[in-house]
C-alpha atoms as a PDB file:
ATOM      1  CA  MET A   1     135.433  53.231  60.151  1.00  0.00           C
ATOM      2  CA  GLN A   2     131.934  54.408  61.040  1.00  0.00           C
ATOM      3  CA  ILE A   3     128.904  53.864  58.822  1.00  0.00           C
ATOM      4  CA  LYS A   4     128.723  57.617  58.038  1.00  0.00           C
ATOM      5  CA  GLN A   5     132.277  57.498  56.705  1.00  0.00           C
ATOM      6  CA  LYS A   6     131.617  54.343  54.670  1.00  0.00           C
ATOM      7  CA  PHE A   7     128.468  55.898  53.250  1.00  0.00           C
ATOM      8  CA  GLY A   8     130.324  59.110  52.420  1.00  0.00           C
ATOM      9  CA  LEU A   9     133.067  57.216  50.609  1.00  0.00           C
ATOM     10  CA  ALA A  10     130.432  55.365  48.590  1.00  0.00           C
ATOM     11  CA  VAL A  11     128.746  58.657  47.659  1.00  0.00           C
ATOM     12  CA  ARG A  12     132.098  60.098  46.552  1.00  0.00           C
ATOM     13  CA  LYS A  13     132.939  56.967  44.571  1.00  0.00           C
ATOM     14  CA  ARG A  14     129.580  56.997  42.776  1.00  0.00           C
ATOM     15  CA  ARG A  15     129.810  60.739  42.095  1.00  0.00           C
ATOM     16  CA  LYS A  16     133.214  60.280  40.506  1.00  0.00           C
ATOM     17  CA  GLU A  17     132.008  57.232  38.527  1.00  0.00           C
ATOM     18  CA  ILE A  18     129.364  59.368  36.840  1.00  0.00           C
ATOM     19  CA  GLY A  19     131.801  62.242  36.402  1.00  0.00           C
ATOM     20  CA  ILE A  20     130.129  65.074  38.276  1.00  0.00           C
ATOM     21  CA  SER A  21     131.514  67.621  40.723  1.00  0.00           C
ATOM     22  CA  GLN A  22     130.303  68.248  44.253  1.00  0.00           C
ATOM     23  CA  GLU A  23     128.699  71.423  42.946  1.00  0.00           C
ATOM     24  CA  GLU A  24     126.793  69.491  40.278  1.00  0.00           C
ATOM     25  CA  LEU A  25     125.608  66.958  42.855  1.00  0.00           C
ATOM     26  CA  ALA A  26     124.385  69.795  45.071  1.00  0.00           C
ATOM     27  CA  MET A  27     122.461  71.292  42.135  1.00  0.00           C
ATOM     28  CA  ARG A  28     120.874  67.906  41.414  1.00  0.00           C
ATOM     29  CA  ILE A  29     119.901  67.549  45.064  1.00  0.00           C
ATOM     30  CA  ASN A  30     118.325  71.003  45.051  1.00  0.00           C
ATOM     31  CA  THR A  31     116.092  70.197  42.081  1.00  0.00           C
ATOM     32  CA  ASP A  32     114.263  67.700  44.274  1.00  0.00           C
ATOM     33  CA  SER A  33     111.239  68.996  46.171  1.00  0.00           C
ATOM     34  CA  ASN A  34     112.433  67.497  49.480  1.00  0.00           C
ATOM     35  CA  GLU A  35     112.541  70.332  52.016  1.00  0.00           C
ATOM     36  CA  ASN A  36     115.328  68.608  54.000  1.00  0.00           C
ATOM     37  CA  THR A  37     117.818  68.997  51.165  1.00  0.00           C
ATOM     38  CA  LYS A  38     116.473  72.030  49.344  1.00  0.00           C
ATOM     39  CA  TYR A  39     119.469  74.217  50.143  1.00  0.00           C
ATOM     40  CA  ALA A  40     122.327  71.764  49.688  1.00  0.00           C
ATOM     41  CA  ASP A  41     125.582  73.256  48.488  1.00  0.00           C
ATOM     42  CA  GLN A  42     129.097  72.029  47.801  1.00  0.00           C
ATOM     43  CA  SER A  43     130.027  72.243  51.496  1.00  0.00           C
ATOM     44  CA  TYR A  44     127.080  70.009  52.450  1.00  0.00           C
ATOM     45  CA  VAL A  45     128.077  67.433  49.830  1.00  0.00           C
ATOM     46  CA  SER A  46     131.624  67.582  51.175  1.00  0.00           C
ATOM     47  CA  LYS A  47     130.383  66.928  54.722  1.00  0.00           C
ATOM     48  CA  VAL A  48     128.369  63.939  53.501  1.00  0.00           C
ATOM     49  CA  GLU A  49     131.376  62.534  51.653  1.00  0.00           C
ATOM     50  CA  LEU A  50     133.621  63.019  54.694  1.00  0.00           C
ATOM     51  CA  GLY A  51     131.115  61.309  56.994  1.00  0.00           C
ATOM     52  CA  GLN A  52     130.487  64.508  58.942  1.00  0.00           C
ATOM     53  CA  ALA A  53     126.770  64.846  58.152  1.00  0.00           C
ATOM     54  CA  ASN A  54     123.930  62.875  59.663  1.00  0.00           C
ATOM     55  CA  VAL A  55     121.734  62.117  56.682  1.00  0.00           C
ATOM     56  CA  THR A  56     118.082  61.158  56.934  1.00  0.00           C
ATOM     57  CA  LEU A  57     116.399  58.387  54.997  1.00  0.00           C
ATOM     58  CA  GLU A  58     114.815  61.056  52.819  1.00  0.00           C
ATOM     59  CA  THR A  59     118.215  62.570  52.092  1.00  0.00           C
ATOM     60  CA  ILE A  60     119.595  59.148  51.188  1.00  0.00           C
ATOM     61  CA  GLN A  61     116.781  58.740  48.664  1.00  0.00           C
ATOM     62  CA  VAL A  62     117.444  62.192  47.202  1.00  0.00           C
ATOM     63  CA  LEU A  63     121.156  61.390  46.918  1.00  0.00           C
ATOM     64  CA  CYS A  64     120.348  58.105  45.191  1.00  0.00           C
ATOM     65  CA  ASP A  65     118.091  59.873  42.718  1.00  0.00           C
ATOM     66  CA  ALA A  66     120.797  62.454  42.030  1.00  0.00           C
ATOM     67  CA  LEU A  67     123.445  59.757  41.638  1.00  0.00           C
ATOM     68  CA  ASP A  68     121.183  57.446  39.600  1.00  0.00           C
ATOM     69  CA  CYS A  69     121.646  54.485  41.933  1.00  0.00           C
ATOM     70  CA  GLU A  70     119.844  52.454  44.577  1.00  0.00           C
ATOM     71  CA  ALA A  71     120.356  52.914  48.326  1.00  0.00           C
ATOM     72  CA  GLY A  72     121.876  49.431  48.544  1.00  0.00           C
ATOM     73  CA  ASP A  73     124.593  50.541  46.129  1.00  0.00           C
ATOM     74  CA  LEU A  74     125.761  53.078  48.722  1.00  0.00           C
ATOM     75  CA  PHE A  75     125.697  50.614  51.615  1.00  0.00           C
ATOM     76  CA  GLY A  76     127.062  47.520  49.879  1.00  0.00           C
END
């Protein structure tokens, strides 16, 4: 399994732990001022969770903020 897939599974696991949908996660991502993730939608979140998206360090931070966790939590 590639790191993108492992990361995606961790994002999905955390999202489900806090009880939000992919749509809700996308809305949380979009509230951040980061231009790289400003137009995230459910399909983008799905691609991240399936390991099909190349995420930047900035996007990882935005995801962590939206999921209320630390980056290490998604890589551990």
